[in-house]
């Protein structure tokens, strides 16, 4: 079966892609085409060995920030796309087409955001896709120091409470390494993904 370009970002295709270990990115080097990736090795954060520094633990317990889930998904994904401080290594891979596609997934209950507020201001956050016991992290940003880190801590705590098995980070960088992110082989990743997809749970 041949797919039109517009079909590739429809919810059913996106969900099937994630469940198969694939994810899309807009690549500037290819005229902003949306390409599909399944890296080997793959980055994940093992939920049971998630590491938080003592300073971050203290900051998290102070309740300086207000944590919300799915409160303003659109603003979070747009902030990830356009903020100069978003936590990715290079390039702006979140195109307007992808923003629209993830908002559609959000409206269907498959894409979620974690928002961090400080004095009523959106200080940082992250978003990703969930299917059963797998959460596929996409991007994070901050407007106030440490807000994206607080968002990640809140996400991991939430995933543990909901009995998730997999937190996929796609790739790893220095920001994620401090939390215990590791690289595993594609074969190992697909085994974990398969087990995660069998877990009967949901993000909310």
N, C-alpha and C. Protein backbone atom coordinates (compact mmCIF):
# COMPACT_ATOMS: atom_id res chain seq x y z
N UNK A 1 0.84 -1.20 0.00
CA UNK A 1 0.00 0.00 0.00
C UNK A 1 0.88 1.25 0.00
N UNK A 2 0.53 2.22 -0.84
CA UNK A 2 1.27 3.47 -0.88
C UNK A 2 0.54 4.51 -0.04
N UNK A 3 1.33 5.28 0.71
CA UNK A 3 0.77 6.33 1.55
C UNK A 3 1.10 7.69 0.96
N UNK A 4 0.12 8.58 1.01
CA UNK A 4 0.39 9.96 0.67
C UNK A 4 1.18 10.57 1.82
N UNK A 5 1.94 11.63 1.50
CA UNK A 5 2.72 12.30 2.53
C UNK A 5 1.82 12.75 3.69
N UNK A 6 0.61 13.23 3.35
CA UNK A 6 -0.30 13.73 4.38
C UNK A 6 -0.81 12.61 5.28
N UNK A 7 -0.80 11.36 4.77
CA UNK A 7 -1.28 10.23 5.56
C UNK A 7 -0.31 9.83 6.66
N UNK A 8 0.98 10.12 6.46
CA UNK A 8 2.00 9.60 7.35
C UNK A 8 1.93 10.19 8.76
N UNK A 9 1.28 11.34 8.90
CA UNK A 9 1.17 11.95 10.21
C UNK A 9 -0.23 11.82 10.79
N UNK A 10 -1.07 11.00 10.18
CA UNK A 10 -2.37 10.73 10.76
C UNK A 10 -2.19 9.90 12.03
N UNK A 11 -3.09 10.05 13.00
CA UNK A 11 -2.92 9.37 14.28
C UNK A 11 -2.66 7.87 14.17
N UNK A 12 -3.41 7.18 13.32
CA UNK A 12 -3.25 5.73 13.26
C UNK A 12 -1.87 5.34 12.75
N UNK A 13 -1.34 6.10 11.80
CA UNK A 13 -0.01 5.80 11.27
C UNK A 13 1.06 6.12 12.31
N UNK A 14 0.92 7.27 12.96
CA UNK A 14 1.88 7.66 13.99
C UNK A 14 1.94 6.64 15.12
N UNK A 15 0.78 6.20 15.58
CA UNK A 15 0.75 5.24 16.68
C UNK A 15 1.36 3.90 16.28
N UNK A 16 1.08 3.47 15.06
CA UNK A 16 1.69 2.23 14.57
C UNK A 16 3.20 2.36 14.47
N UNK A 17 3.65 3.55 14.05
CA UNK A 17 5.09 3.79 13.94
C UNK A 17 5.76 3.72 15.30
N UNK A 18 5.19 4.41 16.29
CA UNK A 18 5.77 4.37 17.64
C UNK A 18 5.78 2.95 18.19
N UNK A 19 4.70 2.22 17.96
CA UNK A 19 4.62 0.85 18.46
C UNK A 19 5.61 -0.08 17.76
N UNK A 20 6.16 0.36 16.63
CA UNK A 20 7.15 -0.41 15.89
C UNK A 20 8.58 0.09 16.14
N UNK A 21 8.71 1.11 17.00
CA UNK A 21 10.04 1.63 17.33
C UNK A 21 10.49 2.79 16.48
N UNK A 22 9.58 3.39 15.72
CA UNK A 22 9.91 4.51 14.83
C UNK A 22 9.38 5.82 15.39
N UNK A 23 10.02 6.93 15.03
CA UNK A 23 9.50 8.26 15.37
C UNK A 23 9.90 9.24 14.28
N UNK A 24 9.11 10.30 14.07
CA UNK A 24 9.39 11.26 13.00
C UNK A 24 10.19 12.46 13.47
N UNK A 25 10.95 13.03 12.56
CA UNK A 25 11.65 14.29 12.81
C UNK A 25 11.70 15.09 11.51
N UNK A 26 11.55 16.38 11.63
CA UNK A 26 11.72 17.27 10.49
C UNK A 26 13.21 17.57 10.37
N UNK A 27 13.79 17.32 9.20
CA UNK A 27 15.24 17.43 9.02
C UNK A 27 15.57 18.57 8.07
N UNK A 28 16.21 19.60 8.60
CA UNK A 28 16.50 20.79 7.80
C UNK A 28 17.45 20.49 6.65
N UNK A 29 18.36 19.53 6.85
CA UNK A 29 19.32 19.19 5.79
C UNK A 29 18.65 18.56 4.57
N UNK A 30 17.41 18.12 4.72
CA UNK A 30 16.66 17.52 3.61
C UNK A 30 15.43 18.36 3.30
N UNK A 31 15.65 19.69 3.22
CA UNK A 31 14.57 20.63 2.87
C UNK A 31 13.36 20.50 3.79
N UNK A 32 13.66 20.28 5.08
CA UNK A 32 12.62 20.18 6.10
C UNK A 32 11.64 19.04 5.86
N UNK A 33 12.11 18.01 5.20
CA UNK A 33 11.30 16.80 5.03
C UNK A 33 11.14 16.10 6.38
N UNK A 34 10.02 15.45 6.56
CA UNK A 34 9.80 14.65 7.76
C UNK A 34 10.29 13.23 7.49
N UNK A 35 11.31 12.83 8.23
CA UNK A 35 11.90 11.50 8.06
C UNK A 35 11.62 10.67 9.30
N UNK A 36 11.81 9.35 9.15
CA UNK A 36 11.50 8.42 10.24
C UNK A 36 12.77 7.76 10.74
N UNK A 37 12.87 7.64 12.06
CA UNK A 37 14.11 7.17 12.67
C UNK A 37 13.83 6.01 13.63
N UNK A 38 14.80 5.11 13.68
CA UNK A 38 14.79 4.01 14.65
C UNK A 38 16.25 3.76 15.02
N UNK A 39 16.82 4.61 15.88
CA UNK A 39 18.27 4.57 16.13
C UNK A 39 18.74 3.29 16.81
N UNK A 40 19.98 2.97 16.53
CA UNK A 40 20.64 1.82 17.14
C UNK A 40 22.08 2.26 17.46
N UNK A 41 22.40 2.49 18.73
CA UNK A 41 21.64 2.20 19.94
C UNK A 41 20.52 3.22 20.19
N UNK A 42 19.66 2.88 21.14
CA UNK A 42 18.50 3.70 21.49
C UNK A 42 18.66 4.21 22.92
N UNK A 43 18.24 5.45 23.14
CA UNK A 43 18.32 6.02 24.47
C UNK A 43 17.06 5.77 25.27
N UNK A 44 17.23 5.37 26.53
CA UNK A 44 16.11 5.22 27.45
C UNK A 44 16.54 5.69 28.84
N UNK A 45 15.58 5.99 29.69
CA UNK A 45 15.85 6.21 31.11
C UNK A 45 15.18 5.07 31.86
N UNK A 46 15.96 4.14 32.43
CA UNK A 46 15.36 3.06 33.23
C UNK A 46 14.65 3.66 34.44
N UNK A 47 13.37 3.40 34.55
CA UNK A 47 12.58 4.04 35.61
C UNK A 47 13.04 3.64 37.00
N UNK A 48 13.51 2.42 37.15
CA UNK A 48 13.91 1.94 38.48
C UNK A 48 15.28 2.45 38.92
N UNK A 49 16.05 3.01 37.97
CA UNK A 49 17.36 3.54 38.35
C UNK A 49 17.48 5.02 37.99
N UNK A 50 16.35 5.69 37.91
CA UNK A 50 16.33 7.14 37.66
C UNK A 50 17.07 7.85 38.77
N UNK A 51 18.02 8.72 38.39
CA UNK A 51 18.87 9.36 39.39
C UNK A 51 18.54 10.84 39.52
N UNK A 52 18.42 11.31 40.76
CA UNK A 52 18.18 12.73 41.04
C UNK A 52 19.24 13.20 42.04
N UNK A 53 19.90 14.29 41.72
CA UNK A 53 20.91 14.83 42.64
C UNK A 53 20.24 15.33 43.92
N UNK A 54 21.02 15.43 44.98
CA UNK A 54 20.48 15.91 46.25
C UNK A 54 19.91 17.32 46.13
N UNK A 55 20.58 18.17 45.36
CA UNK A 55 20.10 19.55 45.19
C UNK A 55 18.74 19.58 44.50
N UNK A 56 18.59 18.72 43.50
CA UNK A 56 17.30 18.67 42.79
C UNK A 56 16.20 18.09 43.68
N UNK A 57 16.56 17.11 44.49
CA UNK A 57 15.58 16.55 45.42
C UNK A 57 15.06 17.63 46.36
N UNK A 58 15.97 18.44 46.86
CA UNK A 58 15.58 19.52 47.77
C UNK A 58 14.69 20.53 47.06
N UNK A 59 15.07 20.89 45.83
CA UNK A 59 14.27 21.84 45.07
C UNK A 59 12.88 21.30 44.78
N UNK A 60 12.79 20.04 44.43
CA UNK A 60 11.51 19.41 44.12
C UNK A 60 10.60 19.40 45.35
N UNK A 61 11.19 19.12 46.52
CA UNK A 61 10.40 19.02 47.75
C UNK A 61 9.96 20.38 48.28
N UNK A 62 10.62 21.43 47.84
CA UNK A 62 10.26 22.77 48.30
C UNK A 62 8.91 23.23 47.74
N UNK A 63 8.44 22.55 46.69
CA UNK A 63 7.18 22.93 46.04
C UNK A 63 7.21 24.37 45.52
N UNK A 64 8.38 24.77 45.09
CA UNK A 64 8.54 26.11 44.50
C UNK A 64 7.73 26.22 43.21
N UNK A 65 7.65 25.10 42.48
CA UNK A 65 6.94 25.07 41.20
C UNK A 65 5.62 24.33 41.34
N UNK A 66 4.66 24.73 40.53
CA UNK A 66 3.38 24.03 40.47
C UNK A 66 3.40 23.11 39.25
N UNK A 67 3.07 21.85 39.45
CA UNK A 67 3.12 20.84 38.39
C UNK A 67 1.72 20.54 37.89
N UNK A 68 1.56 20.56 36.56
CA UNK A 68 0.28 20.20 35.95
C UNK A 68 0.52 19.24 34.80
N UNK A 69 -0.49 18.44 34.50
CA UNK A 69 -0.43 17.50 33.38
C UNK A 69 -1.51 17.87 32.36
N UNK A 70 -1.12 17.93 31.09
CA UNK A 70 -2.09 18.17 30.00
C UNK A 70 -2.89 19.46 30.18
N UNK A 71 -2.33 20.41 30.85
CA UNK A 71 -3.06 21.67 31.08
C UNK A 71 -3.02 22.57 29.86
N UNK A 72 -1.87 22.63 29.19
CA UNK A 72 -1.75 23.48 27.99
C UNK A 72 -0.77 22.82 27.03
N UNK A 73 -1.21 21.71 26.45
CA UNK A 73 -0.34 20.93 25.57
C UNK A 73 0.17 21.78 24.41
N UNK A 74 -0.70 22.55 23.80
CA UNK A 74 -0.32 23.35 22.64
C UNK A 74 0.81 24.32 22.98
N UNK A 75 0.72 24.97 24.10
CA UNK A 75 1.76 25.92 24.48
C UNK A 75 3.08 25.22 24.76
N UNK A 76 3.01 24.03 25.34
CA UNK A 76 4.23 23.28 25.62
C UNK A 76 4.93 22.88 24.34
N UNK A 77 4.20 22.30 23.39
CA UNK A 77 4.85 21.84 22.16
C UNK A 77 5.37 23.03 21.35
N UNK A 78 4.65 24.13 21.35
CA UNK A 78 5.13 25.31 20.65
C UNK A 78 6.37 25.89 21.33
N UNK A 79 6.41 25.82 22.65
CA UNK A 79 7.59 26.28 23.38
C UNK A 79 8.79 25.38 23.07
N UNK A 80 8.55 24.08 22.99
CA UNK A 80 9.63 23.16 22.63
C UNK A 80 10.15 23.45 21.22
N UNK A 81 9.26 23.82 20.33
CA UNK A 81 9.65 24.07 18.95
C UNK A 81 10.41 25.37 18.79
N UNK A 82 10.02 26.40 19.53
CA UNK A 82 10.55 27.74 19.27
C UNK A 82 11.46 28.28 20.36
N UNK A 83 11.49 27.67 21.54
CA UNK A 83 12.33 28.17 22.62
C UNK A 83 13.80 27.89 22.32
N UNK A 84 14.64 28.86 22.57
CA UNK A 84 16.08 28.69 22.36
C UNK A 84 16.69 27.80 23.44
N UNK A 85 15.96 27.54 24.50
CA UNK A 85 16.51 26.75 25.60
C UNK A 85 15.97 25.33 25.62
N UNK A 86 15.22 24.92 24.60
CA UNK A 86 14.68 23.57 24.64
C UNK A 86 15.83 22.57 24.69
N UNK A 87 15.58 21.44 25.34
CA UNK A 87 16.66 20.50 25.61
C UNK A 87 16.82 19.46 24.50
N UNK A 88 17.32 19.92 23.34
CA UNK A 88 17.74 18.99 22.30
C UNK A 88 19.08 19.47 21.80
N UNK A 89 19.79 18.62 21.08
CA UNK A 89 21.17 18.92 20.74
C UNK A 89 21.34 19.91 19.60
N UNK A 90 20.52 19.81 18.55
CA UNK A 90 20.73 20.69 17.40
C UNK A 90 19.49 20.71 16.52
N UNK A 91 19.32 21.85 15.84
CA UNK A 91 18.27 21.94 14.83
C UNK A 91 16.87 22.07 15.42
N UNK A 92 15.97 22.55 14.59
CA UNK A 92 14.57 22.63 15.00
C UNK A 92 13.80 21.56 14.24
N UNK A 93 13.62 20.41 14.88
CA UNK A 93 13.02 19.27 14.20
C UNK A 93 11.51 19.23 14.34
N UNK A 94 10.93 20.18 15.07
CA UNK A 94 9.48 20.17 15.30
C UNK A 94 8.83 21.17 14.35
N UNK A 95 8.37 20.70 13.22
CA UNK A 95 7.76 21.57 12.21
C UNK A 95 6.29 21.83 12.56
N UNK A 96 5.70 22.77 11.85
CA UNK A 96 4.28 23.06 12.06
C UNK A 96 3.41 21.83 11.79
N UNK A 97 3.82 21.02 10.79
CA UNK A 97 3.08 19.79 10.50
C UNK A 97 3.11 18.84 11.69
N UNK A 98 4.27 18.73 12.32
CA UNK A 98 4.39 17.84 13.47
C UNK A 98 3.62 18.38 14.66
N UNK A 99 3.64 19.69 14.85
CA UNK A 99 2.86 20.29 15.94
C UNK A 99 1.40 19.93 15.77
N UNK A 100 0.88 20.08 14.58
CA UNK A 100 -0.53 19.76 14.33
C UNK A 100 -0.80 18.27 14.56
N UNK A 101 0.14 17.42 14.13
CA UNK A 101 -0.04 15.98 14.29
C UNK A 101 -0.08 15.58 15.75
N UNK A 102 0.81 16.16 16.56
CA UNK A 102 0.84 15.81 17.98
C UNK A 102 -0.35 16.39 18.74
N UNK A 103 -0.83 17.54 18.31
CA UNK A 103 -2.04 18.09 18.93
C UNK A 103 -3.22 17.15 18.65
N UNK A 104 -3.27 16.59 17.45
CA UNK A 104 -4.31 15.61 17.13
C UNK A 104 -4.20 14.39 18.04
N UNK A 105 -2.96 13.92 18.25
CA UNK A 105 -2.76 12.78 19.15
C UNK A 105 -3.16 13.13 20.58
N UNK A 106 -2.87 14.35 20.97
CA UNK A 106 -3.25 14.81 22.31
C UNK A 106 -4.76 14.80 22.48
N UNK A 107 -5.46 15.29 21.47
CA UNK A 107 -6.92 15.32 21.54
C UNK A 107 -7.53 13.93 21.61
N UNK A 108 -6.79 12.93 21.11
CA UNK A 108 -7.25 11.55 21.16
C UNK A 108 -6.77 10.82 22.42
N UNK A 109 -5.98 11.51 23.25
CA UNK A 109 -5.55 10.91 24.50
C UNK A 109 -4.24 10.16 24.44
N UNK A 110 -3.42 10.37 23.38
CA UNK A 110 -2.16 9.64 23.25
C UNK A 110 -0.92 10.51 23.43
N UNK A 111 -1.05 11.81 23.33
CA UNK A 111 0.09 12.71 23.54
C UNK A 111 -0.17 13.54 24.79
N UNK A 112 0.86 13.72 25.60
CA UNK A 112 0.68 14.35 26.90
C UNK A 112 1.78 15.35 27.19
N UNK A 113 1.45 16.28 28.06
CA UNK A 113 2.43 17.28 28.45
C UNK A 113 2.52 17.36 29.97
N UNK A 114 3.70 17.73 30.43
CA UNK A 114 3.92 18.07 31.83
C UNK A 114 4.31 19.54 31.86
N UNK A 115 3.53 20.33 32.60
CA UNK A 115 3.80 21.77 32.66
C UNK A 115 4.30 22.14 34.05
N UNK A 116 5.26 23.02 34.09
CA UNK A 116 5.80 23.53 35.35
C UNK A 116 5.55 25.04 35.39
N UNK A 117 4.83 25.46 36.42
CA UNK A 117 4.49 26.88 36.55
C UNK A 117 5.18 27.48 37.77
N UNK A 118 5.56 28.73 37.61
CA UNK A 118 6.14 29.50 38.70
C UNK A 118 5.44 30.85 38.76
N UNK A 119 4.72 31.08 39.84
CA UNK A 119 3.96 32.31 40.02
C UNK A 119 3.03 32.57 38.82
N UNK A 120 2.39 31.49 38.37
CA UNK A 120 1.42 31.58 37.27
C UNK A 120 2.03 31.63 35.89
N UNK A 121 3.34 31.55 35.79
CA UNK A 121 4.06 31.66 34.52
C UNK A 121 4.56 30.28 34.11
N UNK A 122 4.43 29.94 32.84
CA UNK A 122 4.91 28.65 32.35
C UNK A 122 6.44 28.65 32.35
N UNK A 123 7.00 27.97 33.33
CA UNK A 123 8.45 28.01 33.53
C UNK A 123 9.19 26.96 32.73
N UNK A 124 8.51 25.89 32.35
CA UNK A 124 9.14 24.82 31.59
C UNK A 124 8.18 23.66 31.42
N UNK A 125 8.62 22.65 30.69
CA UNK A 125 7.76 21.49 30.50
C UNK A 125 8.32 20.52 29.49
N UNK A 126 7.55 19.50 29.23
CA UNK A 126 7.93 18.48 28.25
C UNK A 126 6.67 17.85 27.68
N UNK A 127 6.84 17.12 26.59
CA UNK A 127 5.70 16.38 26.03
C UNK A 127 6.19 15.08 25.41
N UNK A 128 5.26 14.16 25.22
CA UNK A 128 5.59 12.90 24.59
C UNK A 128 4.33 12.12 24.27
N UNK A 129 4.53 10.91 23.80
CA UNK A 129 3.43 10.04 23.37
C UNK A 129 3.39 8.81 24.27
N UNK A 130 2.20 8.39 24.66
CA UNK A 130 2.08 7.17 25.47
C UNK A 130 1.19 6.16 24.76
N UNK A 131 1.63 4.91 24.82
CA UNK A 131 0.83 3.78 24.35
C UNK A 131 0.98 2.68 25.38
N UNK A 132 -0.09 2.35 26.07
CA UNK A 132 -0.05 1.35 27.13
C UNK A 132 1.08 1.68 28.11
N UNK A 133 2.03 0.78 28.33
CA UNK A 133 3.07 1.01 29.32
C UNK A 133 4.34 1.62 28.78
N UNK A 134 4.25 2.27 27.63
CA UNK A 134 5.42 2.92 27.03
C UNK A 134 5.17 4.42 26.89
N UNK A 135 6.15 5.21 27.32
CA UNK A 135 6.09 6.65 27.12
C UNK A 135 7.29 7.05 26.26
N UNK A 136 7.00 7.72 25.16
CA UNK A 136 8.02 8.13 24.21
C UNK A 136 8.25 9.63 24.38
N UNK A 137 9.32 9.99 25.08
CA UNK A 137 9.61 11.40 25.31
C UNK A 137 10.04 12.08 24.03
N UNK A 138 9.51 13.27 23.79
CA UNK A 138 9.82 13.98 22.56
C UNK A 138 10.73 15.19 22.76
N UNK A 139 10.34 16.10 23.61
CA UNK A 139 11.16 17.30 23.79
C UNK A 139 10.81 17.98 25.11
N UNK A 140 11.72 18.82 25.59
CA UNK A 140 11.48 19.60 26.79
C UNK A 140 12.10 20.98 26.63
N UNK A 141 11.66 21.91 27.46
CA UNK A 141 12.17 23.27 27.39
C UNK A 141 12.10 23.88 28.79
N UNK A 142 12.78 25.00 28.96
CA UNK A 142 12.63 25.74 30.21
C UNK A 142 12.75 27.23 29.95
N UNK A 143 12.01 28.01 30.72
CA UNK A 143 12.14 29.46 30.73
C UNK A 143 12.77 29.94 32.03
N UNK A 144 12.73 29.08 33.04
CA UNK A 144 13.36 29.34 34.33
C UNK A 144 14.26 28.17 34.65
N UNK A 145 15.44 28.45 35.18
CA UNK A 145 16.42 27.41 35.49
C UNK A 145 15.81 26.26 36.28
N UNK A 146 16.11 25.05 35.84
CA UNK A 146 15.73 23.79 36.50
C UNK A 146 14.27 23.39 36.27
N UNK A 147 13.49 24.21 35.58
CA UNK A 147 12.08 23.87 35.40
C UNK A 147 11.90 22.60 34.55
N UNK A 148 12.73 22.42 33.52
CA UNK A 148 12.61 21.21 32.70
C UNK A 148 13.02 19.98 33.50
N UNK A 149 13.97 20.14 34.42
CA UNK A 149 14.38 19.02 35.27
C UNK A 149 13.25 18.62 36.22
N UNK A 150 12.56 19.61 36.76
CA UNK A 150 11.42 19.33 37.62
C UNK A 150 10.33 18.60 36.83
N UNK A 151 10.15 19.00 35.57
CA UNK A 151 9.15 18.34 34.71
C UNK A 151 9.50 16.87 34.51
N UNK A 152 10.78 16.59 34.30
CA UNK A 152 11.21 15.20 34.09
C UNK A 152 11.02 14.38 35.37
N UNK A 153 11.34 14.95 36.51
CA UNK A 153 11.13 14.24 37.78
C UNK A 153 9.64 13.93 37.97
N UNK A 154 8.80 14.93 37.69
CA UNK A 154 7.36 14.73 37.84
C UNK A 154 6.87 13.65 36.88
N UNK A 155 7.40 13.64 35.67
CA UNK A 155 7.01 12.62 34.70
C UNK A 155 7.38 11.23 35.20
N UNK A 156 8.62 11.06 35.64
CA UNK A 156 9.07 9.73 36.08
C UNK A 156 8.25 9.25 37.27
N UNK A 157 8.00 10.13 38.23
CA UNK A 157 7.16 9.74 39.37
C UNK A 157 5.78 9.30 38.92
N UNK A 158 5.23 10.02 37.95
CA UNK A 158 3.90 9.70 37.44
C UNK A 158 3.91 8.35 36.71
N UNK A 159 4.93 8.12 35.89
CA UNK A 159 5.01 6.86 35.15
C UNK A 159 5.15 5.67 36.09
N UNK A 160 5.90 5.85 37.16
CA UNK A 160 6.04 4.77 38.14
C UNK A 160 4.69 4.47 38.80
N UNK A 161 3.97 5.51 39.16
CA UNK A 161 2.65 5.32 39.78
C UNK A 161 1.69 4.60 38.86
N UNK A 162 1.83 4.83 37.57
CA UNK A 162 0.93 4.24 36.58
C UNK A 162 1.44 2.91 36.03
N UNK A 163 2.53 2.40 36.60
CA UNK A 163 3.05 1.08 36.23
C UNK A 163 3.59 1.04 34.80
N UNK A 164 4.17 2.14 34.33
CA UNK A 164 4.81 2.13 33.02
C UNK A 164 6.12 1.36 33.09
N UNK A 165 6.52 0.79 31.98
CA UNK A 165 7.76 0.03 31.91
C UNK A 165 8.86 0.78 31.18
N UNK A 166 8.49 1.57 30.16
CA UNK A 166 9.48 2.17 29.27
C UNK A 166 9.37 3.69 29.23
N UNK A 167 10.51 4.37 29.42
CA UNK A 167 10.62 5.79 29.15
C UNK A 167 11.68 5.94 28.06
N UNK A 168 11.23 6.14 26.85
CA UNK A 168 12.09 6.23 25.67
C UNK A 168 12.55 7.68 25.50
N UNK A 169 13.86 7.89 25.37
CA UNK A 169 14.38 9.23 25.12
C UNK A 169 14.92 9.38 23.70
N UNK A 170 14.80 8.33 22.90
CA UNK A 170 15.28 8.31 21.51
C UNK A 170 16.81 8.33 21.46
N UNK A 171 17.39 9.46 21.78
CA UNK A 171 18.84 9.60 21.89
C UNK A 171 19.15 10.03 23.33
N UNK A 172 20.42 10.13 23.64
CA UNK A 172 20.80 10.66 24.95
C UNK A 172 21.75 11.84 24.75
N UNK A 173 21.74 12.76 25.72
CA UNK A 173 22.65 13.90 25.71
C UNK A 173 23.10 14.13 27.15
N UNK A 174 23.93 15.13 27.33
CA UNK A 174 24.47 15.39 28.68
C UNK A 174 23.37 15.69 29.69
N UNK A 175 22.32 16.36 29.23
CA UNK A 175 21.21 16.69 30.12
C UNK A 175 20.56 15.43 30.66
N UNK A 176 20.36 14.43 29.79
CA UNK A 176 19.69 13.20 30.19
C UNK A 176 20.62 12.24 30.94
N UNK A 177 21.91 12.31 30.62
CA UNK A 177 22.86 11.43 31.28
C UNK A 177 22.88 11.64 32.79
N UNK A 178 22.67 12.87 33.22
CA UNK A 178 22.71 13.14 34.67
C UNK A 178 21.57 12.46 35.42
N UNK A 179 20.54 12.02 34.68
CA UNK A 179 19.40 11.34 35.30
C UNK A 179 19.49 9.82 35.16
N UNK A 180 20.57 9.34 34.58
CA UNK A 180 20.74 7.90 34.46
C UNK A 180 20.35 7.33 33.10
N UNK A 181 20.22 8.19 32.10
CA UNK A 181 19.89 7.70 30.75
C UNK A 181 21.00 6.79 30.24
N UNK A 182 20.61 5.77 29.52
CA UNK A 182 21.57 4.81 28.96
C UNK A 182 21.21 4.51 27.51
N UNK A 183 22.17 3.94 26.82
CA UNK A 183 21.92 3.47 25.46
C UNK A 183 21.85 1.94 25.48
N UNK A 184 20.87 1.42 24.75
CA UNK A 184 20.74 -0.03 24.61
C UNK A 184 20.62 -0.36 23.13
N UNK A 185 20.85 -1.60 22.79
CA UNK A 185 20.77 -2.00 21.39
C UNK A 185 19.32 -1.93 20.90
N UNK A 186 19.17 -1.82 19.62
CA UNK A 186 17.83 -1.78 19.03
C UNK A 186 17.06 -3.06 19.34
N UNK A 187 17.74 -4.19 19.30
CA UNK A 187 17.08 -5.47 19.60
C UNK A 187 16.56 -5.48 21.03
N UNK A 188 17.39 -5.01 21.97
CA UNK A 188 16.96 -4.98 23.37
C UNK A 188 15.81 -3.99 23.55
N UNK A 189 15.92 -2.85 22.87
CA UNK A 189 14.85 -1.84 22.97
C UNK A 189 13.52 -2.41 22.49
N UNK A 190 13.52 -3.09 21.36
CA UNK A 190 12.27 -3.62 20.81
C UNK A 190 11.66 -4.68 21.73
N UNK A 191 12.50 -5.43 22.45
CA UNK A 191 11.98 -6.40 23.41
C UNK A 191 11.28 -5.69 24.57
N UNK A 192 11.93 -4.64 25.09
CA UNK A 192 11.32 -3.87 26.18
C UNK A 192 10.03 -3.21 25.70
N UNK A 193 10.08 -2.65 24.50
CA UNK A 193 8.89 -2.01 23.93
C UNK A 193 7.74 -3.00 23.82
N UNK A 194 8.03 -4.19 23.34
CA UNK A 194 6.99 -5.20 23.18
C UNK A 194 6.34 -5.53 24.52
N UNK A 195 7.16 -5.66 25.55
CA UNK A 195 6.62 -5.94 26.89
C UNK A 195 5.82 -4.76 27.43
N UNK A 196 6.29 -3.55 27.16
CA UNK A 196 5.59 -2.35 27.63
C UNK A 196 4.21 -2.22 26.98
N UNK A 197 4.13 -2.57 25.72
CA UNK A 197 2.87 -2.45 25.01
C UNK A 197 1.82 -3.46 25.50
N UNK A 198 2.26 -4.47 26.23
CA UNK A 198 1.34 -5.48 26.76
C UNK A 198 0.75 -5.06 28.11
N UNK A 199 1.29 -3.99 28.69
CA UNK A 199 0.82 -3.56 30.02
C UNK A 199 -0.47 -2.77 29.88
N UNK A 200 -1.45 -3.16 30.64
CA UNK A 200 -2.76 -2.49 30.59
C UNK A 200 -2.76 -1.31 31.55
N UNK A 201 -2.34 -0.16 31.04
CA UNK A 201 -2.34 1.06 31.84
C UNK A 201 -2.56 2.25 30.91
N UNK A 202 -2.70 3.42 31.50
CA UNK A 202 -2.85 4.63 30.68
C UNK A 202 -2.20 5.79 31.42
N UNK A 203 -1.90 6.83 30.70
CA UNK A 203 -1.17 7.96 31.29
C UNK A 203 -2.03 8.69 32.33
N UNK A 204 -3.31 8.85 32.03
CA UNK A 204 -4.21 9.55 32.95
C UNK A 204 -5.33 8.61 33.39
